[in-house]
Amino acid sequence: MNKHQRIKKNKEFQHVFKKGKSFANRQFIVYVFKSEQPEFRLGLSVSKKVGNAVVRNRIKRYIRQTFLELKDDILPNADYIIIARPQAATLDFHESKKSLEHVLRIARALPKK
């Protein structure tokens, strides 16, 4: 994932939180804000409640890899913020990918099968 595809600044996070819509399941909360940029941007938030640094970094790797694999199917002109809930710590990669796909379908960011 390129640098220009990441949301890093607090101001950008707050903008998506205020203007975007949220969708959730047991493992993840997704905020989606449609904008005019040519490609999607991704922001990640995994709090210390989820686990230690090793667990949090693993979850972030799983989320980034999922978005990398879904980049052709996902709606391009939007900002996405993914918040991991504590239940996400117990998932392996395939389960977390399935869970993220589920939330993104609810958010209508992915086409239905």
PDB file of N, CA and C in Angstrom:
ATOM      1  N   MET A   1       0.831  -1.180   0.000  1.00  0.00           N
ATOM      2  CA  MET A   1       0.000   0.000   0.000  1.00  0.00           C
ATOM      3  C   MET A   1       0.882   1.251   0.000  1.00  0.00           C
ATOM      4  N   ASN A   2       0.605   2.169  -0.900  1.00  0.00           N
ATOM      5  CA  ASN A   2       1.424   3.369  -1.030  1.00  0.00           C
ATOM      6  C   ASN A   2       1.143   4.354   0.097  1.00  0.00           C
ATOM      7  N   LYS A   3       2.053   5.309   0.273  1.00  0.00           N
ATOM      8  CA  LYS A   3       1.886   6.314   1.321  1.00  0.00           C
ATOM      9  C   LYS A   3       0.664   7.186   1.083  1.00  0.00           C
ATOM     10  N   HIS A   4       0.376   7.498  -0.189  1.00  0.00           N
ATOM     11  CA  HIS A   4      -0.767   8.366  -0.464  1.00  0.00           C
ATOM     12  C   HIS A   4      -2.100   7.632  -0.318  1.00  0.00           C
ATOM     13  N   GLN A   5      -2.056   6.336  -0.033  1.00  0.00           N
ATOM     14  CA  GLN A   5      -3.277   5.567   0.190  1.00  0.00           C
ATOM     15  C   GLN A   5      -3.565   5.372   1.674  1.00  0.00           C
ATOM     16  N   ARG A   6      -2.812   6.041   2.545  1.00  0.00           N
ATOM     17  CA  ARG A   6      -3.005   5.886   3.980  1.00  0.00           C
ATOM     18  C   ARG A   6      -3.577   7.156   4.590  1.00  0.00           C
ATOM     19  N   ILE A   7      -4.383   6.974   5.605  1.00  0.00           N
ATOM     20  CA  ILE A   7      -4.863   8.099   6.404  1.00  0.00           C
ATOM     21  C   ILE A   7      -4.052   8.064   7.693  1.00  0.00           C
ATOM     22  N   LYS A   8      -3.308   9.121   7.959  1.00  0.00           N
ATOM     23  CA  LYS A   8      -2.425   9.150   9.108  1.00  0.00           C
ATOM     24  C   LYS A   8      -2.772  10.270  10.094  1.00  0.00           C
ATOM     25  N   LYS A   9      -3.213  11.406   9.591  1.00  0.00           N
ATOM     26  CA  LYS A   9      -3.376  12.582  10.439  1.00  0.00           C
ATOM     27  C   LYS A   9      -4.699  12.541  11.204  1.00  0.00           C
ATOM     28  N   ASN A  10      -4.642  13.036  12.429  1.00  0.00           N
ATOM     29  CA  ASN A  10      -5.820  13.063  13.289  1.00  0.00           C
ATOM     30  C   ASN A  10      -6.959  13.851  12.638  1.00  0.00           C
ATOM     31  N   LYS A  11      -6.621  14.940  11.952  1.00  0.00           N
ATOM     32  CA  LYS A  11      -7.625  15.770  11.285  1.00  0.00           C
ATOM     33  C   LYS A  11      -8.382  14.970  10.217  1.00  0.00           C
ATOM     34  N   GLU A  12      -7.668  14.146   9.468  1.00  0.00           N
ATOM     35  CA  GLU A  12      -8.311  13.316   8.441  1.00  0.00           C
ATOM     36  C   GLU A  12      -9.189  12.243   9.079  1.00  0.00           C
ATOM     37  N   PHE A  13      -8.716  11.641  10.175  1.00  0.00           N
ATOM     38  CA  PHE A  13      -9.523  10.658  10.890  1.00  0.00           C
ATOM     39  C   PHE A  13     -10.823  11.299  11.383  1.00  0.00           C
ATOM     40  N   GLN A  14     -10.705  12.473  12.002  1.00  0.00           N
ATOM     41  CA  GLN A  14     -11.886  13.148  12.554  1.00  0.00           C
ATOM     42  C   GLN A  14     -12.877  13.521  11.454  1.00  0.00           C
ATOM     43  N   HIS A  15     -12.369  13.910  10.295  1.00  0.00           N
ATOM     44  CA  HIS A  15     -13.226  14.262   9.159  1.00  0.00           C
ATOM     45  C   HIS A  15     -14.056  13.047   8.726  1.00  0.00           C
ATOM     46  N   VAL A  16     -13.411  11.885   8.621  1.00  0.00           N
ATOM     47  CA  VAL A  16     -14.120  10.665   8.216  1.00  0.00           C
ATOM     48  C   VAL A  16     -15.114  10.251   9.303  1.00  0.00           C
ATOM     49  N   PHE A  17     -14.728  10.376  10.583  1.00  0.00           N
ATOM     50  CA  PHE A  17     -15.635  10.016  11.668  1.00  0.00           C
ATOM     51  C   PHE A  17     -16.894  10.887  11.649  1.00  0.00           C
ATOM     52  N   LYS A  18     -16.723  12.186  11.385  1.00  0.00           N
ATOM     53  CA  LYS A  18     -17.863  13.102  11.426  1.00  0.00           C
ATOM     54  C   LYS A  18     -18.748  12.997  10.188  1.00  0.00           C
ATOM     55  N   LYS A  19     -18.141  12.911   9.010  1.00  0.00           N
ATOM     56  CA  LYS A  19     -18.907  12.964   7.756  1.00  0.00           C
ATOM     57  C   LYS A  19     -19.261  11.591   7.206  1.00  0.00           C
ATOM     58  N   GLY A  20     -18.526  10.560   7.601  1.00  0.00           N
ATOM     59  CA  GLY A  20     -18.734   9.233   7.026  1.00  0.00           C
ATOM     60  C   GLY A  20     -19.830   8.452   7.730  1.00  0.00           C
ATOM     61  N   LYS A  21     -20.101   7.266   7.190  1.00  0.00           N
ATOM     62  CA  LYS A  21     -21.076   6.358   7.783  1.00  0.00           C
ATOM     63  C   LYS A  21     -20.351   5.161   8.368  1.00  0.00           C
ATOM     64  N   SER A  22     -20.907   4.610   9.445  1.00  0.00           N
ATOM     65  CA  SER A  22     -20.243   3.482  10.092  1.00  0.00           C
ATOM     66  C   SER A  22     -21.056   2.209   9.922  1.00  0.00           C
ATOM     67  N   PHE A  23     -20.330   1.110   9.817  1.00  0.00           N
ATOM     68  CA  PHE A  23     -20.913  -0.227   9.687  1.00  0.00           C
ATOM     69  C   PHE A  23     -20.068  -1.139  10.564  1.00  0.00           C
ATOM     70  N   ALA A  24     -20.688  -2.161  11.157  1.00  0.00           N
ATOM     71  CA  ALA A  24     -19.938  -2.973  12.109  1.00  0.00           C
ATOM     72  C   ALA A  24     -20.421  -4.413  12.137  1.00  0.00           C
ATOM     73  N   ASN A  25     -19.528  -5.278  12.602  1.00  0.00           N
ATOM     74  CA  ASN A  25     -19.879  -6.631  13.027  1.00  0.00           C
ATOM     75  C   ASN A  25     -19.129  -6.872  14.329  1.00  0.00           C
ATOM     76  N   ARG A  26     -18.994  -8.108  14.755  1.00  0.00           N
ATOM     77  CA  ARG A  26     -18.385  -8.366  16.066  1.00  0.00           C
ATOM     78  C   ARG A  26     -16.901  -8.057  16.123  1.00  0.00           C
ATOM     79  N   GLN A  27     -16.217  -8.139  14.990  1.00  0.00           N
ATOM     80  CA  GLN A  27     -14.770  -7.966  15.005  1.00  0.00           C
ATOM     81  C   GLN A  27     -14.289  -6.587  14.555  1.00  0.00           C
ATOM     82  N   PHE A  28     -15.015  -5.944  13.637  1.00  0.00           N
ATOM     83  CA  PHE A  28     -14.527  -4.701  13.042  1.00  0.00           C
ATOM     84  C   PHE A  28     -15.635  -3.658  12.939  1.00  0.00           C
ATOM     85  N   ILE A  29     -15.216  -2.385  13.014  1.00  0.00           N
ATOM     86  CA  ILE A  29     -16.085  -1.252  12.700  1.00  0.00           C
ATOM     87  C   ILE A  29     -15.446  -0.574  11.495  1.00  0.00           C
ATOM     88  N   VAL A  30     -16.255  -0.262  10.487  1.00  0.00           N
ATOM     89  CA  VAL A  30     -15.748   0.384   9.280  1.00  0.00           C
ATOM     90  C   VAL A  30     -16.468   1.713   9.093  1.00  0.00           C
ATOM     91  N   TYR A  31     -15.695   2.781   8.952  1.00  0.00           N
ATOM     92  CA  TYR A  31     -16.238   4.094   8.594  1.00  0.00           C
ATOM     93  C   TYR A  31     -15.909   4.320   7.127  1.00  0.00           C
ATOM     94  N   VAL A  32     -16.919   4.731   6.357  1.00  0.00           N
ATOM     95  CA  VAL A  32     -16.738   4.972   4.927  1.00  0.00           C
ATOM     96  C   VAL A  32     -17.151   6.403   4.622  1.00  0.00           C
ATOM     97  N   PHE A  33     -16.273   7.129   3.952  1.00  0.00           N
ATOM     98  CA  PHE A  33     -16.577   8.492   3.512  1.00  0.00           C
ATOM     99  C   PHE A  33     -16.238   8.594   2.033  1.00  0.00           C
ATOM    100  N   LYS A  34     -17.252   8.808   1.211  1.00  0.00           N
ATOM    101  CA  LYS A  34     -17.026   8.917  -0.236  1.00  0.00           C
ATOM    102  C   LYS A  34     -16.483  10.293  -0.561  1.00  0.00           C
ATOM    103  N   SER A  35     -15.440  10.324  -1.391  1.00  0.00           N
ATOM    104  CA  SER A  35     -14.796  11.580  -1.757  1.00  0.00           C
ATOM    105  C   SER A  35     -14.449  11.561  -3.245  1.00  0.00           C
ATOM    106  N   GLU A  36     -13.695  12.543  -3.689  1.00  0.00           N
ATOM    107  CA  GLU A  36     -13.415  12.724  -5.118  1.00  0.00           C
ATOM    108  C   GLU A  36     -12.055  12.192  -5.566  1.00  0.00           C
ATOM    109  N   GLN A  37     -11.262  11.647  -4.658  1.00  0.00           N
ATOM    110  CA  GLN A  37      -9.930  11.187  -5.058  1.00  0.00           C
ATOM    111  C   GLN A  37     -10.018   9.943  -5.938  1.00  0.00           C
ATOM    112  N   PRO A  38      -9.004   9.693  -6.759  1.00  0.00           N
ATOM    113  CA  PRO A  38      -9.063   8.567  -7.709  1.00  0.00           C
ATOM    114  C   PRO A  38      -8.956   7.185  -7.062  1.00  0.00           C
ATOM    115  N   GLU A  39      -8.243   7.044  -5.930  1.00  0.00           N
ATOM    116  CA  GLU A  39      -8.135   5.732  -5.293  1.00  0.00           C
ATOM    117  C   GLU A  39      -8.541   5.819  -3.827  1.00  0.00           C
ATOM    118  N   PHE A  40      -8.814   4.657  -3.263  1.00  0.00           N
ATOM    119  CA  PHE A  40      -9.240   4.641  -1.867  1.00  0.00           C
ATOM    120  C   PHE A  40      -8.065   4.899  -0.940  1.00  0.00           C
ATOM    121  N   ARG A  41      -8.393   5.385   0.286  1.00  0.00           N
ATOM    122  CA  ARG A  41      -7.391   5.560   1.330  1.00  0.00           C
ATOM    123  C   ARG A  41      -7.840   4.757   2.548  1.00  0.00           C
ATOM    124  N   LEU A  42      -6.874   4.296   3.324  1.00  0.00           N
ATOM    125  CA  LEU A  42      -7.153   3.404   4.438  1.00  0.00           C
ATOM    126  C   LEU A  42      -6.515   3.925   5.713  1.00  0.00           C
ATOM    127  N   GLY A  43      -7.310   3.964   6.783  1.00  0.00           N
ATOM    128  CA  GLY A  43      -6.802   4.304   8.111  1.00  0.00           C
ATOM    129  C   GLY A  43      -7.103   3.155   9.058  1.00  0.00           C
ATOM    130  N   LEU A  44      -6.162   2.833   9.925  1.00  0.00           N
ATOM    131  CA  LEU A  44      -6.325   1.705  10.848  1.00  0.00           C
ATOM    132  C   LEU A  44      -6.251   2.193  12.281  1.00  0.00           C
ATOM    133  N   SER A  45      -7.089   1.599  13.126  1.00  0.00           N
ATOM    134  CA  SER A  45      -7.058   1.902  14.546  1.00  0.00           C
ATOM    135  C   SER A  45      -7.238   0.606  15.326  1.00  0.00           C
ATOM    136  N   VAL A  46      -6.209   0.231  16.063  1.00  0.00           N
ATOM    137  CA  VAL A  46      -6.261  -0.966  16.900  1.00  0.00           C
ATOM    138  C   VAL A  46      -5.793  -0.536  18.289  1.00  0.00           C
ATOM    139  N   SER A  47      -6.697  -0.520  19.256  1.00  0.00           N
ATOM    140  CA  SER A  47      -6.362   0.012  20.572  1.00  0.00           C
ATOM    141  C   SER A  47      -5.630  -1.017  21.421  1.00  0.00           C
ATOM    142  N   LYS A  48      -5.109  -0.560  22.554  1.00  0.00           N
ATOM    143  CA  LYS A  48      -4.379  -1.438  23.466  1.00  0.00           C
ATOM    144  C   LYS A  48      -5.299  -2.450  24.137  1.00  0.00           C
ATOM    145  N   LYS A  49      -6.597  -2.216  24.093  1.00  0.00           N
ATOM    146  CA  LYS A  49      -7.548  -3.178  24.656  1.00  0.00           C
ATOM    147  C   LYS A  49      -7.553  -4.483  23.864  1.00  0.00           C
ATOM    148  N   VAL A  50      -7.125  -4.417  22.617  1.00  0.00           N
ATOM    149  CA  VAL A  50      -7.142  -5.596  21.744  1.00  0.00           C
ATOM    150  C   VAL A  50      -6.046  -6.584  22.138  1.00  0.00           C
ATOM    151  N   GLY A  51      -4.894  -6.084  22.536  1.00  0.00           N
ATOM    152  CA  GLY A  51      -3.800  -6.981  22.909  1.00  0.00           C
ATOM    153  C   GLY A  51      -2.477  -6.235  22.957  1.00  0.00           C
ATOM    154  N   ASN A  52      -1.402  -7.001  23.103  1.00  0.00           N
ATOM    155  CA  ASN A  52      -0.084  -6.362  23.132  1.00  0.00           C
ATOM    156  C   ASN A  52       0.345  -5.953  21.720  1.00  0.00           C
ATOM    157  N   ALA A  53       1.532  -5.374  21.599  1.00  0.00           N
ATOM    158  CA  ALA A  53       1.986  -4.820  20.327  1.00  0.00           C
ATOM    159  C   ALA A  53       2.059  -5.873  19.232  1.00  0.00           C
ATOM    160  N   VAL A  54       2.459  -7.080  19.580  1.00  0.00           N
ATOM    161  CA  VAL A  54       2.570  -8.149  18.593  1.00  0.00           C
ATOM    162  C   VAL A  54       1.194  -8.460  17.991  1.00  0.00           C
ATOM    163  N   VAL A  55       0.188  -8.568  18.836  1.00  0.00           N
ATOM    164  CA  VAL A  55      -1.174  -8.869  18.386  1.00  0.00           C
ATOM    165  C   VAL A  55      -1.731  -7.723  17.548  1.00  0.00           C
ATOM    166  N   ARG A  56      -1.535  -6.498  18.018  1.00  0.00           N
ATOM    167  CA  ARG A  56      -2.061  -5.329  17.290  1.00  0.00           C
ATOM    168  C   ARG A  56      -1.429  -5.211  15.904  1.00  0.00           C
ATOM    169  N   ASN A  57      -0.106  -5.418  15.817  1.00  0.00           N
ATOM    170  CA  ASN A  57       0.559  -5.335  14.517  1.00  0.00           C
ATOM    171  C   ASN A  57       0.122  -6.456  13.587  1.00  0.00           C
ATOM    172  N   ARG A  58      -0.129  -7.646  14.135  1.00  0.00           N
ATOM    173  CA  ARG A  58      -0.618  -8.756  13.314  1.00  0.00           C
ATOM    174  C   ARG A  58      -1.978  -8.423  12.729  1.00  0.00           C
ATOM    175  N   ILE A  59      -2.874  -7.862  13.521  1.00  0.00           N
ATOM    176  CA  ILE A  59      -4.204  -7.486  13.028  1.00  0.00           C
ATOM    177  C   ILE A  59      -4.080  -6.447  11.919  1.00  0.00           C
ATOM    178  N   LYS A  60      -3.196  -5.463  12.106  1.00  0.00           N
ATOM    179  CA  LYS A  60      -3.010  -4.434  11.080  1.00  0.00           C
ATOM    180  C   LYS A  60      -2.456  -5.026   9.782  1.00  0.00           C
ATOM    181  N   ARG A  61      -1.536  -5.979   9.905  1.00  0.00           N
ATOM    182  CA  ARG A  61      -1.018  -6.662   8.704  1.00  0.00           C
ATOM    183  C   ARG A  61      -2.127  -7.404   7.980  1.00  0.00           C
ATOM    184  N   TYR A  62      -2.986  -8.113   8.733  1.00  0.00           N
ATOM    185  CA  TYR A  62      -4.106  -8.844   8.138  1.00  0.00           C
ATOM    186  C   TYR A  62      -5.045  -7.892   7.393  1.00  0.00           C
ATOM    187  N   ILE A  63      -5.339  -6.744   7.982  1.00  0.00           N
ATOM    188  CA  ILE A  63      -6.253  -5.782   7.350  1.00  0.00           C
ATOM    189  C   ILE A  63      -5.634  -5.227   6.071  1.00  0.00           C
ATOM    190  N   ARG A  64      -4.355  -4.834   6.151  1.00  0.00           N
ATOM    191  CA  ARG A  64      -3.687  -4.304   4.948  1.00  0.00           C
ATOM    192  C   ARG A  64      -3.642  -5.342   3.835  1.00  0.00           C
ATOM    193  N   GLN A  65      -3.335  -6.586   4.178  1.00  0.00           N
ATOM    194  CA  GLN A  65      -3.271  -7.644   3.172  1.00  0.00           C
ATOM    195  C   GLN A  65      -4.638  -7.889   2.550  1.00  0.00           C
ATOM    196  N   THR A  66      -5.682  -7.848   3.360  1.00  0.00           N
ATOM    197  CA  THR A  66      -7.041  -8.020   2.839  1.00  0.00           C
ATOM    198  C   THR A  66      -7.380  -6.926   1.842  1.00  0.00           C
ATOM    199  N   PHE A  67      -7.061  -5.676   2.174  1.00  0.00           N
ATOM    200  CA  PHE A  67      -7.341  -4.578   1.250  1.00  0.00           C
ATOM    201  C   PHE A  67      -6.490  -4.696  -0.008  1.00  0.00           C
ATOM    202  N   LEU A  68      -5.271  -5.189   0.122  1.00  0.00           N
ATOM    203  CA  LEU A  68      -4.415  -5.398  -1.051  1.00  0.00           C
ATOM    204  C   LEU A  68      -5.030  -6.431  -1.987  1.00  0.00           C
ATOM    205  N   GLU A  69      -5.581  -7.501  -1.424  1.00  0.00           N
ATOM    206  CA  GLU A  69      -6.201  -8.543  -2.245  1.00  0.00           C
ATOM    207  C   GLU A  69      -7.532  -8.101  -2.842  1.00  0.00           C
ATOM    208  N   LEU A  70      -8.228  -7.182  -2.173  1.00  0.00           N
ATOM    209  CA  LEU A  70      -9.547  -6.741  -2.644  1.00  0.00           C
ATOM    210  C   LEU A  70      -9.499  -5.418  -3.403  1.00  0.00           C
ATOM    211  N   LYS A  71      -8.294  -4.889  -3.675  1.00  0.00           N
ATOM    212  CA  LYS A  71      -8.197  -3.536  -4.238  1.00  0.00           C
ATOM    213  C   LYS A  71      -8.907  -3.364  -5.578  1.00  0.00           C
ATOM    214  N   ASP A  72      -9.044  -4.430  -6.366  1.00  0.00           N
ATOM    215  CA  ASP A  72      -9.723  -4.312  -7.649  1.00  0.00           C
ATOM    216  C   ASP A  72     -11.245  -4.302  -7.498  1.00  0.00           C
ATOM    217  N   ASP A  73     -11.754  -4.911  -6.432  1.00  0.00           N
ATOM    218  CA  ASP A  73     -13.198  -5.005  -6.230  1.00  0.00           C
ATOM    219  C   ASP A  73     -13.768  -3.862  -5.395  1.00  0.00           C
ATOM    220  N   ILE A  74     -12.943  -3.258  -4.562  1.00  0.00           N
ATOM    221  CA  ILE A  74     -13.434  -2.266  -3.604  1.00  0.00           C
ATOM    222  C   ILE A  74     -13.704  -0.931  -4.296  1.00  0.00           C
ATOM    223  N   LEU A  75     -14.683  -0.177  -3.788  1.00  0.00           N
ATOM    224  CA  LEU A  75     -15.001   1.131  -4.366  1.00  0.00           C
ATOM    225  C   LEU A  75     -13.791   2.052  -4.260  1.00  0.00           C
ATOM    226  N   PRO A  76     -13.357   2.643  -5.383  1.00  0.00           N
ATOM    227  CA  PRO A  76     -12.100   3.389  -5.362  1.00  0.00           C
ATOM    228  C   PRO A  76     -12.171   4.751  -4.678  1.00  0.00           C
ATOM    229  N   ASN A  77     -13.181   5.551  -4.925  1.00  0.00           N
ATOM    230  CA  ASN A  77     -13.159   6.938  -4.463  1.00  0.00           C
ATOM    231  C   ASN A  77     -13.799   7.088  -3.084  1.00  0.00           C
ATOM    232  N   ALA A  78     -13.130   6.523  -2.070  1.00  0.00           N
ATOM    233  CA  ALA A  78     -13.628   6.614  -0.701  1.00  0.00           C
ATOM    234  C   ALA A  78     -12.484   6.490   0.290  1.00  0.00           C
ATOM    235  N   ASP A  79     -12.730   7.003   1.492  1.00  0.00           N
ATOM    236  CA  ASP A  79     -11.814   6.822   2.614  1.00  0.00           C
ATOM    237  C   ASP A  79     -12.413   5.768   3.534  1.00  0.00           C
ATOM    238  N   TYR A  80     -11.577   4.849   3.994  1.00  0.00           N
ATOM    239  CA  TYR A  80     -12.017   3.785   4.894  1.00  0.00           C
ATOM    240  C   TYR A  80     -11.199   3.848   6.172  1.00  0.00           C
ATOM    241  N   ILE A  81     -11.894   3.799   7.311  1.00  0.00           N
ATOM    242  CA  ILE A  81     -11.210   3.660   8.588  1.00  0.00           C
ATOM    243  C   ILE A  81     -11.700   2.360   9.204  1.00  0.00           C
ATOM    244  N   ILE A  82     -10.764   1.501   9.556  1.00  0.00           N
ATOM    245  CA  ILE A  82     -11.089   0.209  10.155  1.00  0.00           C
ATOM    246  C   ILE A  82     -10.675   0.260  11.621  1.00  0.00           C
ATOM    247  N   ILE A  83     -11.625  -0.022  12.501  1.00  0.00           N
ATOM    248  CA  ILE A  83     -11.339  -0.113  13.928  1.00  0.00           C
ATOM    249  C   ILE A  83     -11.512  -1.569  14.327  1.00  0.00           C
ATOM    250  N   ALA A  84     -10.470  -2.144  14.911  1.00  0.00           N
ATOM    251  CA  ALA A  84     -10.514  -3.544  15.330  1.00  0.00           C
ATOM    252  C   ALA A  84     -11.054  -3.630  16.754  1.00  0.00           C
ATOM    253  N   ARG A  85     -11.992  -4.526  16.949  1.00  0.00           N
ATOM    254  CA  ARG A  85     -12.520  -4.791  18.285  1.00  0.00           C
ATOM    255  C   ARG A  85     -11.704  -5.917  18.926  1.00  0.00           C
ATOM    256  N   PRO A  86     -11.800  -6.083  20.257  1.00  0.00           N
ATOM    257  CA  PRO A  86     -10.993  -7.122  20.924  1.00  0.00           C
ATOM    258  C   PRO A  86     -11.205  -8.537  20.378  1.00  0.00           C
ATOM    259  N   GLN A  87     -12.390  -8.850  19.841  1.00  0.00           N
ATOM    260  CA  GLN A  87     -12.629 -10.192  19.292  1.00  0.00           C
ATOM    261  C   GLN A  87     -11.759 -10.469  18.072  1.00  0.00           C
ATOM    262  N   ALA A  88     -11.248  -9.436  17.413  1.00  0.00           N
ATOM    263  CA  ALA A  88     -10.410  -9.619  16.228  1.00  0.00           C
ATOM    264  C   ALA A  88      -9.075 -10.279  16.565  1.00  0.00           C
ATOM    265  N   ALA A  89      -8.671 -10.227  17.825  1.00  0.00           N
ATOM    266  CA  ALA A  89      -7.378 -10.793  18.228  1.00  0.00           C
ATOM    267  C   ALA A  89      -7.348 -12.306  18.112  1.00  0.00           C
ATOM    268  N   THR A  90      -8.507 -12.948  18.149  1.00  0.00           N
ATOM    269  CA  THR A  90      -8.547 -14.414  18.127  1.00  0.00           C
ATOM    270  C   THR A  90      -8.588 -14.985  16.716  1.00  0.00           C
ATOM    271  N   LEU A  91      -8.728 -14.134  15.708  1.00  0.00           N
ATOM    272  CA  LEU A  91      -8.899 -14.600  14.336  1.00  0.00           C
ATOM    273  C   LEU A  91      -7.570 -14.851  13.647  1.00  0.00           C
ATOM    274  N   ASP A  92      -7.565 -15.840  12.738  1.00  0.00           N
ATOM    275  CA  ASP A  92      -6.417 -15.988  11.857  1.00  0.00           C
ATOM    276  C   ASP A  92      -6.700 -15.168  10.590  1.00  0.00           C
ATOM    277  N   PHE A  93      -5.776 -15.221   9.618  1.00  0.00           N
ATOM    278  CA  PHE A  93      -5.915 -14.348   8.450  1.00  0.00           C
ATOM    279  C   PHE A  93      -7.199 -14.601   7.672  1.00  0.00           C
ATOM    280  N   HIS A  94      -7.519 -15.863   7.413  1.00  0.00           N
ATOM    281  CA  HIS A  94      -8.689 -16.170   6.584  1.00  0.00           C
ATOM    282  C   HIS A  94      -9.989 -15.773   7.267  1.00  0.00           C
ATOM    283  N   GLU A  95     -10.061 -15.949   8.569  1.00  0.00           N
ATOM    284  CA  GLU A  95     -11.258 -15.539   9.308  1.00  0.00           C
ATOM    285  C   GLU A  95     -11.397 -14.024   9.324  1.00  0.00           C
ATOM    286  N   SER A  96     -10.289 -13.315   9.509  1.00  0.00           N
ATOM    287  CA  SER A  96     -10.361 -11.855   9.538  1.00  0.00           C
ATOM    288  C   SER A  96     -10.711 -11.306   8.152  1.00  0.00           C
ATOM    289  N   LYS A  97     -10.188 -11.938   7.097  1.00  0.00           N
ATOM    290  CA  LYS A  97     -10.533 -11.506   5.742  1.00  0.00           C
ATOM    291  C   LYS A  97     -12.024 -11.701   5.487  1.00  0.00           C
ATOM    292  N   LYS A  98     -12.548 -12.842   5.899  1.00  0.00           N
ATOM    293  CA  LYS A  98     -13.971 -13.127   5.719  1.00  0.00           C
ATOM    294  C   LYS A  98     -14.829 -12.118   6.495  1.00  0.00           C
ATOM    295  N   SER A  99     -14.418 -11.797   7.704  1.00  0.00           N
ATOM    296  CA  SER A  99     -15.142 -10.845   8.530  1.00  0.00           C
ATOM    297  C   SER A  99     -15.105  -9.439   7.921  1.00  0.00           C
ATOM    298  N   LEU A 100     -13.938  -9.022   7.425  1.00  0.00           N
ATOM    299  CA  LEU A 100     -13.824  -7.704   6.781  1.00  0.00           C
ATOM    300  C   LEU A 100     -14.657  -7.637   5.504  1.00  0.00           C
ATOM    301  N   GLU A 101     -14.631  -8.708   4.713  1.00  0.00           N
ATOM    302  CA  GLU A 101     -15.462  -8.738   3.505  1.00  0.00           C
ATOM    303  C   GLU A 101     -16.932  -8.597   3.865  1.00  0.00           C
ATOM    304  N   HIS A 102     -17.346  -9.254   4.944  1.00  0.00           N
ATOM    305  CA  HIS A 102     -18.732  -9.176   5.397  1.00  0.00           C
ATOM    306  C   HIS A 102     -19.125  -7.723   5.716  1.00  0.00           C
ATOM    307  N   VAL A 103     -18.276  -7.024   6.486  1.00  0.00           N
ATOM    308  CA  VAL A 103     -18.572  -5.639   6.849  1.00  0.00           C
ATOM    309  C   VAL A 103     -18.556  -4.735   5.616  1.00  0.00           C
ATOM    310  N   LEU A 104     -17.611  -4.963   4.709  1.00  0.00           N
ATOM    311  CA  LEU A 104     -17.539  -4.123   3.508  1.00  0.00           C
ATOM    312  C   LEU A 104     -18.739  -4.345   2.591  1.00  0.00           C
ATOM    313  N   ARG A 105     -19.291  -5.563   2.577  1.00  0.00           N
ATOM    314  CA  ARG A 105     -20.516  -5.798   1.809  1.00  0.00           C
ATOM    315  C   ARG A 105     -21.697  -5.072   2.435  1.00  0.00           C
ATOM    316  N   ILE A 106     -21.754  -5.071   3.761  1.00  0.00           N
ATOM    317  CA  ILE A 106     -22.816  -4.326   4.450  1.00  0.00           C
ATOM    318  C   ILE A 106     -22.704  -2.841   4.111  1.00  0.00           C
ATOM    319  N   ALA A 107     -21.479  -2.337   4.031  1.00  0.00           N
ATOM    320  CA  ALA A 107     -21.233  -0.928   3.723  1.00  0.00           C
ATOM    321  C   ALA A 107     -21.391  -0.620   2.232  1.00  0.00           C
ATOM    322  N   ARG A 108     -21.662  -1.648   1.441  1.00  0.00           N
ATOM    323  CA  ARG A 108     -21.784  -1.541  -0.023  1.00  0.00           C
ATOM    324  C   ARG A 108     -20.496  -1.024  -0.670  1.00  0.00           C
ATOM    325  N   ALA A 109     -19.361  -1.370  -0.065  1.00  0.00           N
ATOM    326  CA  ALA A 109     -18.070  -1.033  -0.645  1.00  0.00           C
ATOM    327  C   ALA A 109     -17.567  -2.165  -1.534  1.00  0.00           C
ATOM    328  N   LEU A 110     -18.125  -3.352  -1.338  1.00  0.00           N
ATOM    329  CA  LEU A 110     -17.812  -4.518  -2.171  1.00  0.00           C
ATOM    330  C   LEU A 110     -19.098  -4.966  -2.861  1.00  0.00           C
ATOM    331  N   PRO A 111     -18.999  -5.426  -4.098  1.00  0.00           N
ATOM    332  CA  PRO A 111     -20.207  -5.959  -4.752  1.00  0.00           C
ATOM    333  C   PRO A 111     -20.628  -7.276  -4.120  1.00  0.00           C
ATOM    334  N   LYS A 112     -21.910  -7.546  -4.132  1.00  0.00           N
ATOM    335  CA  LYS A 112     -22.406  -8.812  -3.580  1.00  0.00           C
ATOM    336  C   LYS A 112     -22.014  -9.948  -4.506  1.00  0.00           C
ATOM    337  N   LYS A 113     -21.851 -11.136  -3.944  1.00  0.00           N
ATOM    338  CA  LYS A 113     -21.446 -12.309  -4.744  1.00  0.00           C
ATOM    339  C   LYS A 113     -22.535 -12.710  -5.711  1.00  0.00           C
TER     340      LYS A 113
END
